[in-house]
Amino acid sequence: MEQNILTVTQVNQYLKAKLDGDRILSAVAVRGEISNYKCYPSGHHYFSLKDGEGALRCVLFRSSAQRLRFRPENGMKVIARGRVTVFPRDGQYQLYTDGLIPDGVGELYVAFEQLKAKLQQEGLFDPAHKRPLPPYPERIALITSAAGAAVHDMLRILRARWPVAEVLLLPVRVQGQQAPAELAGALRYANRHRLADLIIIGRGGGSMEDLWAFNDERLAREIYRSELPVISAVGHEPDVTISDFVADLRAATPSNAAELAAPDRRELMAQMDHQATRMRRAMAARLERERKRLDRCAASRVLTDPLASIRDKRVLLDWQQSRLASHMSAALQACRGALGAQAAALDALSPLKVLGRGYSLARDEEGKVISSVRQVCAGQPISLRLSDGTLDCTVMGVQEEDTPDRPPARRTR
């Protein structure tokens, strides 16, 4: 029997037809771990799914990849849905993937965690970037759905708490594919035209899919760039979105956002009443203190008897004058006594006293005192000072007394 000989292309086409006709392989779900993941500029994704014993080549075309809400990564466990067929040119079979879902956790949860980690690493959640809310806003912009219950709750609370504020509504879709672009556009518009002092962006509760517009990266970056303070009010207390992390303040609910955005006028009125009461009490206490002080001043001696102080000073002046005179008299008397003692001592040492006792003082022609016979000679004129006058004399002769320590002087006649 003649053997049927096929070309390579025929074999590949045959295998492709077989695989395409297989009911199980035409719509199969494969669980495995991603490896060798690559994304080409064309937008197509190529990777392998492996388990403990084998590997399967996979391709995810751009049209299908655009529907992914998370970014595939090596090592991620996923469930890939698609069809197994042969690529005739290479003769290799592979899984043409239509969709990927994380194995064990939801696709939206993985996408949320990935975007959260990315934006946090870039610093979009940094507390230092968050702006303070104005304490008394004049205009408040609401970016939300005009048909939802959330906007009515916020308007009701704002009217009750802070009716002086002007509230502007920027209606947008808060769910669906167009919602992120509309939310981001409304935020840009409010900033460009400075429509308000404060922005509240949010919606009522719902599933994670319903709230997914507030996990959009474009909206998160627009909130980060906003020059106006932004309050994120999405869903209920347990609901957390990317917008909550980026916004300047997160509110548990839209109603809570309205409470955080505006002060309560009733609380302010109560505070003002309390302050007014404290002011009145403080003024009354001050007036009472000043009144008592005035009474003390009015009863003081300086006002009741103005001359009393002058009289007191006059008495003090007389007393000081008396003390001064007494001290001066005592000091003068002491000086007189000292002067008398010094005069007596000086008088005792006076040469006139000596002269008064019969002594005289001899001087030569130059007025020098003659204390020795050796200072004069016969015929020399001298003067003698007595107690009552002076005698002009001429030395008739010199007679010197002999002493053991002095030789005799020459005598001249």
Protein backbone atom coordinates (compact mmCIF):
# COMPACT_ATOMS: atom_id res chain seq x y z
CA MET A 1 0.00 0.00 0.00
CA GLU A 2 1.37 3.41 -1.01
CA GLN A 3 2.15 5.66 2.05
CA ASN A 4 0.44 9.11 2.15
CA ILE A 5 3.19 11.74 2.23
CA LEU A 6 2.32 15.17 3.71
CA THR A 7 4.16 18.44 3.76
CA VAL A 8 5.08 20.18 6.98
CA THR A 9 2.44 22.81 6.36
CA GLN A 10 -0.19 20.13 5.81
CA VAL A 11 0.72 18.44 9.06
CA ASN A 12 0.51 21.73 10.95
CA GLN A 13 -2.79 22.60 9.31
CA TYR A 14 -4.13 19.16 10.14
CA LEU A 15 -3.14 19.48 13.78
CA LYS A 16 -4.64 22.99 13.90
CA ALA A 17 -7.94 21.67 12.53
CA LYS A 18 -7.92 18.86 15.06
CA LEU A 19 -7.27 21.19 17.96
CA ASP A 20 -9.77 23.79 16.76
CA GLY A 21 -12.42 21.11 16.50
CA ASP A 22 -11.86 19.79 19.98
CA ARG A 23 -14.71 20.90 22.23
CA ILE A 24 -12.56 21.07 25.39
CA LEU A 25 -9.57 22.84 23.86
CA SER A 26 -11.69 25.42 22.05
CA ALA A 27 -12.76 26.97 25.38
CA VAL A 28 -10.42 25.97 28.14
CA ALA A 29 -9.40 27.51 31.47
CA VAL A 30 -5.84 26.83 32.56
CA ARG A 31 -4.43 27.45 36.04
CA GLY A 32 -0.71 28.17 36.35
CA GLU A 33 2.07 30.56 37.25
CA ILE A 34 3.18 33.28 34.83
CA SER A 35 6.80 33.15 33.65
CA ASN A 36 8.83 34.71 30.83
CA TYR A 37 6.31 37.53 30.65
CA LYS A 38 6.92 40.11 27.89
CA CYS A 39 4.84 42.97 26.53
CA TYR A 40 5.83 44.12 23.05
CA PRO A 41 5.36 47.61 21.60
CA SER A 42 2.57 46.20 19.44
CA GLY A 43 0.52 45.72 22.61
CA HIS A 44 0.59 41.91 22.44
CA HIS A 45 1.58 39.98 25.58
CA TYR A 46 3.58 36.73 25.47
CA PHE A 47 4.20 34.49 28.45
CA SER A 48 4.21 30.91 29.67
CA LEU A 49 2.02 29.19 32.22
CA LYS A 50 3.83 26.60 34.27
CA ASP A 51 3.18 24.25 37.13
CA GLY A 52 5.40 21.73 38.86
CA GLU A 53 5.78 19.46 35.83
CA GLY A 54 5.24 21.40 32.61
CA ALA A 55 4.80 24.68 30.78
CA LEU A 56 2.37 26.05 28.19
CA ARG A 57 3.12 28.93 25.84
CA CYS A 58 0.45 31.65 25.80
CA VAL A 59 -0.32 34.80 23.86
CA LEU A 60 -2.66 37.65 24.83
CA PHE A 61 -3.41 39.97 21.96
CA ARG A 62 -3.75 43.73 22.43
CA SER A 63 -7.54 43.76 22.02
CA SER A 64 -7.91 41.35 24.93
CA ALA A 65 -5.10 42.89 26.99
CA GLN A 66 -6.86 46.28 26.98
CA ARG A 67 -9.67 44.76 29.03
CA LEU A 68 -7.34 43.73 31.85
CA ARG A 69 -7.68 45.70 35.06
CA PHE A 70 -4.37 44.54 36.50
CA ARG A 71 -0.83 44.19 35.22
CA PRO A 72 0.42 40.60 34.79
CA GLU A 73 3.75 39.88 36.48
CA ASN A 74 6.15 36.96 36.62
CA GLY A 75 5.33 34.62 39.48
CA MET A 76 1.66 35.63 39.60
CA LYS A 77 -0.78 32.72 39.83
CA VAL A 78 -3.62 33.18 37.34
CA ILE A 79 -6.39 31.39 35.53
CA ALA A 80 -6.13 31.93 31.76
CA ARG A 81 -9.19 31.42 29.56
CA GLY A 82 -8.91 30.86 25.82
CA ARG A 83 -8.38 28.22 23.15
CA VAL A 84 -5.48 25.91 22.39
CA THR A 85 -4.40 25.79 18.76
CA VAL A 86 -1.34 25.47 16.54
CA PHE A 87 0.48 28.31 14.86
CA PRO A 88 1.06 26.73 11.42
CA ARG A 89 4.23 28.64 10.65
CA ASP A 90 6.14 27.31 13.68
CA GLY A 91 4.21 24.13 14.30
CA GLN A 92 3.94 24.95 18.01
CA TYR A 93 0.74 24.85 19.93
CA GLN A 94 -0.12 27.61 22.39
CA LEU A 95 -2.96 29.05 24.39
CA TYR A 96 -4.57 32.04 22.70
CA THR A 97 -5.77 33.83 25.83
CA ASP A 98 -8.98 35.85 25.90
CA GLY A 99 -8.79 36.84 29.56
CA LEU A 100 -6.80 36.52 32.76
CA ILE A 101 -8.01 36.52 36.33
CA PRO A 102 -5.82 36.24 39.42
CA ASP A 103 -6.05 32.87 41.08
CA GLY A 104 -7.39 33.11 44.63
CA VAL A 105 -8.21 36.85 44.65
CA GLY A 106 -10.37 39.07 42.49
CA GLU A 107 -9.07 40.83 39.45
CA LEU A 108 -10.18 44.23 40.75
CA TYR A 109 -8.44 43.66 44.06
CA VAL A 110 -5.14 42.89 42.35
CA ALA A 111 -5.48 45.96 40.14
CA PHE A 112 -6.30 48.09 43.18
CA GLU A 113 -3.26 46.89 45.13
CA GLN A 114 -0.94 47.34 42.15
CA LEU A 115 -2.08 50.91 41.49
CA LYS A 116 -1.98 51.72 45.20
CA ALA A 117 1.62 50.51 45.50
CA LYS A 118 2.65 52.41 42.37
CA LEU A 119 1.14 55.74 43.44
CA GLN A 120 2.40 55.39 46.97
CA GLN A 121 5.93 54.85 45.70
CA GLU A 122 5.61 58.02 43.59
CA GLY A 123 4.59 60.02 46.68
CA LEU A 124 0.96 60.78 45.78
CA PHE A 125 -0.16 59.72 49.27
CA ASP A 126 2.45 61.83 51.10
CA PRO A 127 0.81 63.64 54.06
CA ALA A 128 3.13 66.61 53.51
CA HIS A 129 1.36 67.34 50.21
CA LYS A 130 -2.14 67.45 51.70
CA ARG A 131 -3.70 70.89 51.97
CA PRO A 132 -5.70 72.12 54.99
CA LEU A 133 -9.41 72.75 54.59
CA PRO A 134 -10.69 76.33 54.86
CA PRO A 135 -12.42 76.78 58.24
CA TYR A 136 -15.26 78.93 56.83
CA PRO A 137 -15.69 78.20 53.11
CA GLU A 138 -17.69 80.67 51.02
CA ARG A 139 -18.15 78.34 48.04
CA ILE A 140 -18.21 74.54 47.93
CA ALA A 141 -18.15 72.52 44.70
CA LEU A 142 -19.76 69.07 44.56
CA ILE A 143 -18.50 66.71 41.84
CA THR A 144 -20.95 63.84 41.81
CA SER A 145 -24.02 62.49 40.09
CA ALA A 146 -26.98 64.85 40.00
CA ALA A 147 -29.42 61.93 40.20
CA GLY A 148 -27.95 60.11 43.21
CA ALA A 149 -29.13 60.25 46.79
CA ALA A 150 -25.65 61.36 47.90
CA VAL A 151 -25.96 64.87 46.41
CA HIS A 152 -29.30 65.45 48.13
CA ASP A 153 -27.86 64.35 51.48
CA MET A 154 -24.90 66.71 51.08
CA LEU A 155 -27.08 69.66 50.05
CA ARG A 156 -29.41 69.09 52.98
CA ILE A 157 -26.57 68.92 55.50
CA LEU A 158 -24.75 71.95 54.04
CA ARG A 159 -27.91 74.05 54.15
CA ALA A 160 -28.51 73.07 57.75
CA ARG A 161 -24.91 73.52 58.95
CA TRP A 162 -23.57 76.43 56.89
CA PRO A 163 -26.28 78.15 54.83
CA VAL A 164 -24.05 81.15 54.04
CA ALA A 165 -21.90 79.03 51.71
CA GLU A 166 -22.67 78.93 47.99
CA VAL A 167 -22.87 75.34 46.75
CA LEU A 168 -22.00 74.55 43.11
CA LEU A 169 -22.89 71.19 41.56
CA LEU A 170 -20.76 69.81 38.74
CA PRO A 171 -22.83 66.80 37.55
CA VAL A 172 -20.86 63.85 36.22
CA ARG A 173 -21.23 60.13 35.75
CA VAL A 174 -19.82 58.20 38.69
CA GLN A 175 -20.02 54.72 37.19
CA GLY A 176 -19.02 53.19 33.89
CA GLN A 177 -16.18 53.59 31.41
CA GLN A 178 -16.75 57.32 30.82
CA ALA A 179 -16.93 58.14 34.54
CA PRO A 180 -13.17 58.55 35.26
CA ALA A 181 -12.70 60.99 32.37
CA GLU A 182 -15.72 63.05 33.43
CA LEU A 183 -14.62 63.13 37.08
CA ALA A 184 -11.10 64.22 36.15
CA GLY A 185 -12.44 66.81 33.68
CA ALA A 186 -14.76 68.35 36.27
CA LEU A 187 -11.86 68.56 38.73
CA ARG A 188 -9.68 70.33 36.16
CA TYR A 189 -12.50 72.73 35.32
CA ALA A 190 -13.08 73.65 38.95
CA ASN A 191 -9.38 74.37 39.44
CA ARG A 192 -8.94 76.30 36.21
CA HIS A 193 -11.80 78.70 36.97
CA ARG A 194 -11.38 78.72 40.76
CA LEU A 195 -15.01 77.86 41.24
CA ALA A 196 -14.84 77.17 44.95
CA ASP A 197 -12.79 77.19 48.12
CA LEU A 198 -13.29 73.46 48.58
CA ILE A 199 -14.21 70.45 46.43
CA ILE A 200 -16.12 67.34 47.48
CA ILE A 201 -15.86 64.45 45.02
CA GLY A 202 -17.67 61.17 45.54
CA ARG A 203 -20.80 59.08 45.29
CA GLY A 204 -22.99 56.76 47.33
CA GLY A 205 -22.30 53.13 48.17
CA GLY A 206 -22.07 50.19 45.80
CA SER A 207 -20.00 47.19 44.83
CA MET A 208 -16.31 47.41 44.02
CA GLU A 209 -17.21 47.45 40.32
CA ASP A 210 -19.61 50.34 40.90
CA LEU A 211 -16.92 52.35 42.73
CA TRP A 212 -14.15 51.48 40.29
CA ALA A 213 -14.14 54.90 38.61
CA PHE A 214 -12.59 56.32 41.80
CA ASN A 215 -9.71 53.84 41.49
CA ASP A 216 -8.68 55.27 38.12
CA GLU A 217 -5.08 56.45 37.83
CA ARG A 218 -6.03 59.53 35.76
CA LEU A 219 -8.43 60.73 38.44
CA ALA A 220 -5.87 60.07 41.20
CA ARG A 221 -3.25 62.21 39.47
CA GLU A 222 -5.79 64.98 38.85
CA ILE A 223 -6.69 65.04 42.54
CA TYR A 224 -2.97 65.23 43.39
CA ARG A 225 -2.50 68.20 41.03
CA SER A 226 -5.53 70.04 42.35
CA GLU A 227 -4.72 73.44 43.86
CA LEU A 228 -8.05 73.44 45.72
CA PRO A 229 -8.51 71.20 48.78
CA VAL A 230 -10.35 67.98 47.92
CA ILE A 231 -12.49 65.77 50.15
CA SER A 232 -13.04 62.23 48.87
CA ALA A 233 -16.43 60.81 49.85
CA VAL A 234 -16.91 57.47 48.13
CA GLY A 235 -19.34 54.81 49.31
CA HIS A 236 -19.72 53.80 52.93
CA GLU A 237 -17.33 53.49 55.88
CA PRO A 238 -15.67 50.18 54.79
CA ASP A 239 -15.24 51.28 51.15
CA VAL A 240 -11.73 52.51 50.37
CA THR A 241 -10.63 53.80 46.98
CA ILE A 242 -7.46 55.27 45.51
CA SER A 243 -9.13 58.69 45.57
CA ASP A 244 -9.36 58.42 49.36
CA PHE A 245 -5.59 58.02 49.65
CA VAL A 246 -4.75 60.91 47.31
CA ALA A 247 -7.35 63.42 48.53
CA ASP A 248 -6.56 65.96 51.23
CA LEU A 249 -9.18 64.40 53.49
CA ARG A 250 -11.21 61.18 53.36
CA ALA A 251 -14.81 61.16 54.50
CA ALA A 252 -16.57 57.97 55.53
CA THR A 253 -19.71 58.89 53.54
CA PRO A 254 -20.92 61.82 51.43
CA SER A 255 -22.93 63.01 54.42
CA ASN A 256 -19.81 62.93 56.54
CA ALA A 257 -17.99 64.92 53.85
CA ALA A 258 -20.58 67.70 54.14
CA GLU A 259 -20.08 67.72 57.90
CA LEU A 260 -16.30 67.95 57.52
CA ALA A 261 -16.46 70.63 54.83
CA ALA A 262 -18.54 73.20 56.71
CA PRO A 263 -18.77 74.28 60.35
CA ASP A 264 -22.04 73.95 62.21
CA ARG A 265 -23.59 77.40 62.60
CA ARG A 266 -25.41 76.26 65.73
CA GLU A 267 -22.14 75.26 67.36
CA LEU A 268 -20.61 78.58 66.29
CA MET A 269 -23.58 80.48 67.73
CA ALA A 270 -23.25 78.54 70.97
CA GLN A 271 -19.52 79.33 71.08
CA MET A 272 -20.22 83.00 70.39
CA ASP A 273 -22.84 83.08 73.15
CA HIS A 274 -20.36 81.42 75.52
CA GLN A 275 -17.66 83.91 74.59
CA ALA A 276 -20.08 86.82 74.99
CA THR A 277 -21.03 85.55 78.45
CA ARG A 278 -17.38 85.22 79.41
CA MET A 279 -16.73 88.72 78.10
CA ARG A 280 -19.59 90.19 80.10
CA ARG A 281 -18.40 88.46 83.25
CA ALA A 282 -14.85 89.58 82.68
CA MET A 283 -15.98 93.19 82.12
CA ALA A 284 -18.15 93.12 85.22
CA ALA A 285 -15.28 91.75 87.31
CA ARG A 286 -12.93 94.38 85.86
CA LEU A 287 -15.38 97.17 86.59
CA GLU A 288 -15.81 95.92 90.16
CA ARG A 289 -12.02 95.85 90.69
CA GLU A 290 -11.63 99.35 89.26
CA ARG A 291 -14.54 100.62 91.38
CA LYS A 292 -12.92 99.30 94.55
CA ARG A 293 -9.64 100.80 93.50
CA LEU A 294 -11.34 104.14 92.93
CA ASP A 295 -12.94 103.96 96.38
CA ARG A 296 -9.55 103.24 97.96
CA CYS A 297 -8.03 106.18 96.11
CA ALA A 298 -10.88 108.48 97.10
CA ALA A 299 -10.45 107.51 100.75
CA SER A 300 -6.69 107.91 100.69
CA ARG A 301 -5.09 110.66 102.80
CA VAL A 302 -3.49 112.31 99.80
CA LEU A 303 -6.92 113.17 98.45
CA THR A 304 -8.75 113.80 101.71
CA ASP A 305 -5.95 115.98 103.18
CA PRO A 306 -3.57 117.09 100.39
CA LEU A 307 -1.45 119.30 102.77
CA ALA A 308 -0.80 116.42 105.16
CA SER A 309 2.04 115.16 103.04
CA ILE A 310 3.57 118.65 102.95
CA ARG A 311 3.31 118.92 106.72
CA ASP A 312 4.90 115.52 107.15
CA LYS A 313 7.75 116.54 104.86
CA ARG A 314 8.18 119.80 106.76
CA VAL A 315 8.45 117.94 110.08
CA LEU A 316 10.95 115.58 108.47
CA LEU A 317 12.88 118.59 107.15
CA ASP A 318 13.03 120.18 110.60
CA TRP A 319 14.22 116.91 112.12
CA GLN A 320 16.89 116.52 109.43
CA GLN A 321 17.98 120.16 109.94
CA SER A 322 18.26 119.62 113.69
CA ARG A 323 20.33 116.48 113.17
CA LEU A 324 22.55 118.29 110.67
CA ALA A 325 23.15 121.24 113.05
CA SER A 326 23.94 118.88 115.93
CA HIS A 327 26.40 116.91 113.81
CA MET A 328 28.01 120.09 112.51
CA SER A 329 28.40 121.51 116.07
CA ALA A 330 29.94 118.28 117.30
CA ALA A 331 32.29 118.15 114.32
CA LEU A 332 33.30 121.81 114.83
CA GLN A 333 33.95 121.26 118.51
CA ALA A 334 36.11 118.25 117.75
CA CYS A 335 38.07 120.28 115.17
CA ARG A 336 38.57 123.10 117.69
CA GLY A 337 39.93 120.66 120.27
CA ALA A 338 42.29 119.15 117.77
CA LEU A 339 43.41 122.60 116.63
CA GLY A 340 44.10 123.68 120.23
CA ALA A 341 46.18 120.56 120.86
CA GLN A 342 48.18 121.10 117.70
CA ALA A 343 48.69 124.82 118.55
CA ALA A 344 49.90 123.92 122.07
CA ALA A 345 52.32 121.35 120.64
CA LEU A 346 53.53 123.83 118.06
CA ASP A 347 53.90 126.58 120.67
CA ALA A 348 55.91 124.24 122.86
CA LEU A 349 58.31 123.70 119.99
CA SER A 350 58.54 127.42 119.06
CA PRO A 351 62.11 128.90 119.33
CA LEU A 352 60.58 132.13 120.69
CA LYS A 353 59.70 130.24 123.84
CA VAL A 354 63.34 129.32 124.22
CA LEU A 355 64.38 132.89 123.59
CA GLY A 356 61.94 134.05 126.24
CA ARG A 357 63.84 132.06 128.82
CA GLY A 358 67.04 134.16 128.22
CA TYR A 359 68.50 132.41 125.26
CA SER A 360 69.41 134.13 121.93
CA LEU A 361 69.85 133.05 118.33
CA ALA A 362 73.04 134.13 116.48
CA ARG A 363 73.13 134.59 112.69
CA ASP A 364 75.89 135.63 110.32
CA GLU A 365 75.66 138.28 107.61
CA GLU A 366 73.89 135.82 105.30
CA GLY A 367 71.25 134.96 107.86
CA LYS A 368 72.59 131.48 108.58
CA VAL A 369 72.25 130.25 112.13
CA ILE A 370 75.60 130.10 113.98
CA SER A 371 75.76 126.90 115.96
CA SER A 372 79.53 126.68 116.43
CA VAL A 373 82.35 129.08 117.24
CA ARG A 374 84.19 127.68 114.29
CA GLN A 375 81.66 129.42 112.00
CA VAL A 376 82.87 132.93 113.04
CA CYS A 377 86.05 134.84 113.53
CA ALA A 378 87.06 137.98 115.43
CA GLY A 379 85.81 141.17 113.88
CA GLN A 380 82.98 139.43 112.03
CA PRO A 381 79.58 141.14 112.31
CA ILE A 382 76.70 138.96 113.55
CA SER A 383 73.14 139.52 114.73
CA LEU A 384 71.62 138.21 117.95
CA ARG A 385 67.90 137.46 118.05
CA LEU A 386 66.43 137.95 121.49
CA SER A 387 62.90 137.45 122.66
CA ASP A 388 61.99 141.09 122.18
CA GLY A 389 64.33 142.19 119.33
CA THR A 390 67.65 141.84 117.51
CA LEU A 391 71.17 143.07 118.38
CA ASP A 392 73.79 143.87 115.71
CA CYS A 393 77.18 142.86 117.14
CA THR A 394 80.82 142.42 116.15
CA VAL A 395 82.80 139.40 117.34
CA MET A 396 85.58 140.68 119.53
CA GLY A 397 87.16 137.31 120.01
CA VAL A 398 86.45 133.54 119.84
CA GLN A 399 86.87 131.26 122.86
CA GLU A 400 86.17 127.58 122.30
CA GLU A 401 85.70 125.00 124.98
CA ASP A 402 87.90 121.96 124.75
CA THR A 403 86.16 118.63 124.35
CA PRO A 404 87.71 115.18 124.11
CA ASP A 405 86.39 114.49 120.61
CA ARG A 406 87.33 117.85 119.11
CA PRO A 407 90.70 119.60 118.85
CA PRO A 408 90.97 123.17 120.15
CA ALA A 409 90.28 125.97 117.77
CA ARG A 410 92.70 128.73 116.85
CA ARG A 411 92.12 131.83 118.78
CA THR A 412 92.55 135.15 117.14
CA ARG A 413 92.72 138.40 119.06
